[in-house]
């Protein structure tokens, strides 16, 4: 299993699918992230040991919400969350 992602690597993963950098509160779908790419990200994070539920994350597809949900999980696991 690969090293668990940090908040910085999660942000980079998402941005790798976008042409522009949205503010943390902006809907990532408006910036071109599609559902297949979103599912790819979730699968990538799960492969690295993060429980990333697609349906939960898709309810509020913003960088801020994703980082908040996954960051809480990383912090609870005692992982370094800032990069």
Protein backbone atom coordinates (compact mmCIF):
# COMPACT_ATOMS: atom_id res chain seq x y z
CA UNK A 1 0.00 0.00 0.00
CA UNK A 2 1.25 3.47 -0.88
CA UNK A 3 1.79 6.18 1.70
CA UNK A 4 -1.44 7.85 2.81
CA UNK A 5 -2.11 11.15 1.10
CA UNK A 6 -1.85 14.48 2.89
CA UNK A 7 -4.17 17.42 2.40
CA UNK A 8 -1.64 18.82 -0.05
CA UNK A 9 -1.53 15.64 -2.14
CA UNK A 10 -5.34 15.44 -2.12
CA UNK A 11 -5.47 19.03 -3.42
CA UNK A 12 -2.90 18.21 -6.12
CA UNK A 13 -4.84 15.09 -7.12
CA UNK A 14 -8.00 17.12 -7.68
CA UNK A 15 -6.22 19.96 -9.47
CA UNK A 16 -4.61 17.48 -11.88
CA UNK A 17 -8.04 17.12 -13.52
CA UNK A 18 -8.76 20.87 -13.79
CA UNK A 19 -7.52 23.64 -16.07
CA UNK A 20 -8.12 26.42 -13.53
CA UNK A 21 -7.72 26.60 -9.77
CA UNK A 22 -11.08 27.16 -8.08
CA UNK A 23 -11.58 28.80 -4.72
CA UNK A 24 -12.20 26.27 -1.97
CA UNK A 25 -15.95 27.01 -1.90
CA UNK A 26 -16.56 26.69 -5.65
CA UNK A 27 -18.18 23.63 -7.20
CA UNK A 28 -15.52 21.50 -8.87
CA UNK A 29 -18.01 20.28 -11.47
CA UNK A 30 -18.25 23.87 -12.72
CA UNK A 31 -14.48 23.72 -13.31
CA UNK A 32 -14.71 20.61 -15.47
CA UNK A 33 -14.36 17.73 -12.99
CA UNK A 34 -16.69 15.00 -14.20
CA UNK A 35 -18.15 12.06 -12.31
CA UNK A 36 -15.71 9.54 -13.81
CA UNK A 37 -12.74 11.66 -12.74
CA UNK A 38 -14.29 12.10 -9.30
CA UNK A 39 -14.72 8.33 -8.96
CA UNK A 40 -11.09 7.90 -10.09
CA UNK A 41 -9.95 10.22 -7.31
CA UNK A 42 -12.01 8.39 -4.71
CA UNK A 43 -10.59 5.03 -5.86
CA UNK A 44 -7.05 6.47 -5.75
CA UNK A 45 -7.52 7.71 -2.17
CA UNK A 46 -9.12 4.44 -1.05
CA UNK A 47 -6.15 2.54 -2.50
CA UNK A 48 -3.97 4.69 -0.25
CA UNK A 49 -5.98 3.84 2.86
CA UNK A 50 -8.47 6.71 2.98
CA UNK A 51 -12.16 5.91 3.37
CA UNK A 52 -13.52 8.31 0.77
CA UNK A 53 -17.20 7.71 0.14
CA UNK A 54 -18.09 8.96 -3.35
CA UNK A 55 -21.71 9.78 -2.48
CA UNK A 56 -20.76 11.76 0.62
CA UNK A 57 -18.11 13.75 -1.20
CA UNK A 58 -20.31 14.33 -4.25
CA UNK A 59 -23.00 16.01 -2.13
CA UNK A 60 -20.74 19.05 -1.82
CA UNK A 61 -18.09 18.80 -4.55
CA UNK A 62 -15.90 21.69 -3.43
CA UNK A 63 -12.23 21.58 -2.55
CA UNK A 64 -13.01 22.91 0.92
CA UNK A 65 -15.59 20.21 1.66
CA UNK A 66 -13.39 17.41 0.34
CA UNK A 67 -10.39 18.61 2.33
CA UNK A 68 -12.54 18.99 5.43
CA UNK A 69 -14.01 15.48 5.24
CA UNK A 70 -10.75 13.77 4.37
CA UNK A 71 -8.70 16.02 6.64
CA UNK A 72 -10.83 15.04 9.63
CA UNK A 73 -10.14 11.41 8.80
CA UNK A 74 -6.40 12.02 8.43
CA UNK A 75 -6.27 13.93 11.71
CA UNK A 76 -8.19 11.16 13.50
CA UNK A 77 -5.68 8.65 12.19
CA UNK A 78 -2.84 10.82 13.51
CA UNK A 79 -1.38 11.40 10.04
CA UNK A 80 0.38 14.56 8.98
CA UNK A 81 -2.33 16.56 7.21
CA UNK A 82 -0.54 19.61 5.92
CA UNK A 83 1.93 18.13 3.52
